[in-house]
C-alpha atoms as a PDB file:
ATOM      1  CA  MET A   1     -11.840  17.190  -2.613  1.00  0.00           C
ATOM      2  CA  SER A   2      -8.680  15.137  -2.316  1.00  0.00           C
ATOM      3  CA  GLN A   3      -7.022  13.580  -5.352  1.00  0.00           C
ATOM      4  CA  ILE A   4      -5.716  10.544  -3.454  1.00  0.00           C
ATOM      5  CA  GLY A   5      -8.241   8.251  -5.141  1.00  0.00           C
ATOM      6  CA  GLU A   6      -6.729   8.851  -8.560  1.00  0.00           C
ATOM      7  CA  ILE A   7      -3.213   7.902  -7.568  1.00  0.00           C
ATOM      8  CA  MET A   8      -4.389   4.968  -5.440  1.00  0.00           C
ATOM      9  CA  ASP A   9      -6.327   3.614  -8.420  1.00  0.00           C
ATOM     10  CA  GLU A  10      -3.230   4.033 -10.585  1.00  0.00           C
ATOM     11  CA  LEU A  11      -1.000   2.388  -7.987  1.00  0.00           C
ATOM     12  CA  TYR A  12      -3.408  -0.521  -7.574  1.00  0.00           C
ATOM     13  CA  GLN A  13      -3.456  -1.051 -11.344  1.00  0.00           C
ATOM     14  CA  VAL A  14       0.358  -1.033 -11.480  1.00  0.00           C
ATOM     15  CA  VAL A  15       0.522  -3.688  -8.751  1.00  0.00           C
ATOM     16  CA  LEU A  16      -2.084  -5.787 -10.599  1.00  0.00           C
ATOM     17  CA  ASP A  17      -0.090  -5.411 -13.805  1.00  0.00           C
ATOM     18  CA  ARG A  18       3.158  -6.431 -12.097  1.00  0.00           C
ATOM     19  CA  ARG A  19       1.434  -9.550 -10.785  1.00  0.00           C
ATOM     20  CA  SER A  20       0.222 -10.460 -14.295  1.00  0.00           C
ATOM     21  CA  ASN A  21       3.277  -9.176 -16.174  1.00  0.00           C
ATOM     22  CA  PRO A  22       6.332  -9.481 -13.951  1.00  0.00           C
ATOM     23  CA  LYS A  23       9.081  -6.985 -14.628  1.00  0.00           C
ATOM     24  CA  GLU A  24      12.676  -7.863 -13.855  1.00  0.00           C
ATOM     25  CA  GLY A  25      14.051  -5.809 -10.987  1.00  0.00           C
ATOM     26  CA  SER A  26      10.597  -4.703  -9.837  1.00  0.00           C
ATOM     27  CA  TYR A  27      10.304  -4.266  -6.065  1.00  0.00           C
ATOM     28  CA  THR A  28       6.592  -5.011  -6.368  1.00  0.00           C
ATOM     29  CA  ASN A  29       7.370  -8.346  -8.036  1.00  0.00           C
ATOM     30  CA  TYR A  30       9.935  -9.076  -5.355  1.00  0.00           C
ATOM     31  CA  LEU A  31       7.297  -8.613  -2.659  1.00  0.00           C
ATOM     32  CA  LEU A  32       4.699 -10.663  -4.509  1.00  0.00           C
ATOM     33  CA  GLU A  33       7.204 -13.457  -5.130  1.00  0.00           C
ATOM     34  CA  LYS A  34       8.296 -13.532  -1.475  1.00  0.00           C
ATOM     35  CA  GLY A  35       4.666 -13.845  -0.460  1.00  0.00           C
ATOM     36  CA  LEU A  36       2.360 -12.929   2.355  1.00  0.00           C
ATOM     37  CA  ASP A  37       4.846 -13.119   5.215  1.00  0.00           C
ATOM     38  CA  LYS A  38       7.211 -10.626   3.556  1.00  0.00           C
ATOM     39  CA  ILE A  39       4.369  -8.296   2.589  1.00  0.00           C
ATOM     40  CA  CYS A  40       2.943  -8.356   6.116  1.00  0.00           C
ATOM     41  CA  LYS A  41       6.392  -7.711   7.572  1.00  0.00           C
ATOM     42  CA  LYS A  42       6.741  -4.618   5.379  1.00  0.00           C
ATOM     43  CA  VAL A  43       3.264  -3.378   6.319  1.00  0.00           C
ATOM     44  CA  GLY A  44       4.235  -3.735   9.974  1.00  0.00           C
ATOM     45  CA  GLU A  45       7.555  -1.945   9.479  1.00  0.00           C
ATOM     46  CA  GLU A  46       5.954   0.916   7.591  1.00  0.00           C
ATOM     47  CA  SER A  47       3.218   1.242  10.226  1.00  0.00           C
ATOM     48  CA  ALA A  48       5.862   1.565  12.919  1.00  0.00           C
ATOM     49  CA  GLU A  49       7.707   4.187  10.872  1.00  0.00           C
ATOM     50  CA  VAL A  50       4.494   6.232  10.560  1.00  0.00           C
ATOM     51  CA  ILE A  51       4.090   6.109  14.334  1.00  0.00           C
ATOM     52  CA  ILE A  52       7.686   7.193  14.936  1.00  0.00           C
ATOM     53  CA  ALA A  53       7.404  10.059  12.446  1.00  0.00           C
ATOM     54  CA  ALA A  54       4.188  11.216  14.095  1.00  0.00           C
ATOM     55  CA  LYS A  55       5.688  11.004  17.589  1.00  0.00           C
ATOM     56  CA  ASN A  56       8.620  13.091  16.340  1.00  0.00           C
ATOM     57  CA  ARG A  57       6.152  15.655  14.986  1.00  0.00           C
ATOM     58  CA  GLN A  58       7.736  15.611  11.544  1.00  0.00           C
ATOM     59  CA  PRO A  59       4.960  16.277   8.995  1.00  0.00           C
ATOM     60  CA  SER A  60       7.237  15.704   5.994  1.00  0.00           C
ATOM     61  CA  GLU A  61       8.337  12.366   7.437  1.00  0.00           C
ATOM     62  CA  VAL A  62       4.729  11.439   8.212  1.00  0.00           C
ATOM     63  CA  THR A  63       3.865  12.170   4.587  1.00  0.00           C
ATOM     64  CA  TYR A  64       6.773  10.065   3.323  1.00  0.00           C
ATOM     65  CA  GLU A  65       6.064   7.131   5.637  1.00  0.00           C
ATOM     66  CA  VAL A  66       2.303   7.136   5.013  1.00  0.00           C
ATOM     67  CA  ALA A  67       3.031   6.989   1.275  1.00  0.00           C
ATOM     68  CA  ASP A  68       5.233   3.929   1.909  1.00  0.00           C
ATOM     69  CA  LEU A  69       2.525   2.369   4.050  1.00  0.00           C
ATOM     70  CA  LEU A  70      -0.176   2.970   1.436  1.00  0.00           C
ATOM     71  CA  TYR A  71       2.013   1.374  -1.221  1.00  0.00           C
ATOM     72  CA  HIS A  72       2.647  -1.720   0.894  1.00  0.00           C
ATOM     73  CA  LEU A  73      -1.046  -1.925   1.822  1.00  0.00           C
ATOM     74  CA  CYS A  74      -1.865  -1.812  -1.882  1.00  0.00           C
ATOM     75  CA  VAL A  75       0.472  -4.765  -2.504  1.00  0.00           C
ATOM     76  CA  LEU A  76      -1.213  -6.600   0.380  1.00  0.00           C
ATOM     77  CA  LEU A  77      -4.670  -5.903  -1.052  1.00  0.00           C
ATOM     78  CA  VAL A  78      -3.683  -7.265  -4.452  1.00  0.00           C
ATOM     79  CA  GLU A  79      -2.105 -10.338  -2.848  1.00  0.00           C
ATOM     80  CA  GLN A  80      -5.323 -10.950  -0.900  1.00  0.00           C
ATOM     81  CA  GLY A  81      -7.645 -10.310  -3.852  1.00  0.00           C
ATOM     82  CA  VAL A  82      -9.228  -7.283  -2.166  1.00  0.00           C
ATOM     83  CA  SER A  83     -10.063  -4.308  -4.389  1.00  0.00           C
ATOM     84  CA  LEU A  84     -10.024  -0.634  -3.519  1.00  0.00           C
ATOM     85  CA  ASP A  85     -13.765  -0.707  -4.188  1.00  0.00           C
ATOM     86  CA  ASP A  86     -14.096  -3.329  -1.446  1.00  0.00           C
ATOM     87  CA  ILE A  87     -12.392  -0.916   0.945  1.00  0.00           C
ATOM     88  CA  TYR A  88     -14.565   1.928  -0.283  1.00  0.00           C
ATOM     89  CA  GLN A  89     -17.725  -0.081   0.367  1.00  0.00           C
ATOM     90  CA  GLU A  90     -16.590  -0.976   3.875  1.00  0.00           C
ATOM     91  CA  LEU A  91     -15.793   2.648   4.678  1.00  0.00           C
ATOM     92  CA  ARG A  92     -19.137   3.703   3.173  1.00  0.00           C
ATOM     93  CA  LYS A  93     -20.981   1.278   5.463  1.00  0.00           C
ATOM     94  CA  ARG A  94     -19.256   2.874   8.450  1.00  0.00           C
ATOM     95  CA  ARG A  95     -20.208   6.405   7.455  1.00  0.00           C
END
């Protein structure tokens, strides 16, 4: 079984903590301060970069870009008040 859940939980908690306890120089705080438009722009950019990496058939680049996308999606989820458990439940319903 994959270990992605562990790191996603940890990442989500870090983003929540940054929202509650801002840290100077934190990129996460920068995104949260800039707001939804900036976060959505980054999600879009990272999505495009995943597509380009895939089209170039570069597995290491796909890995790198998907990690960026997951991070930015995590920031978006926190900004929207959506938990990873909410996503889990939705995926479970589709199974």
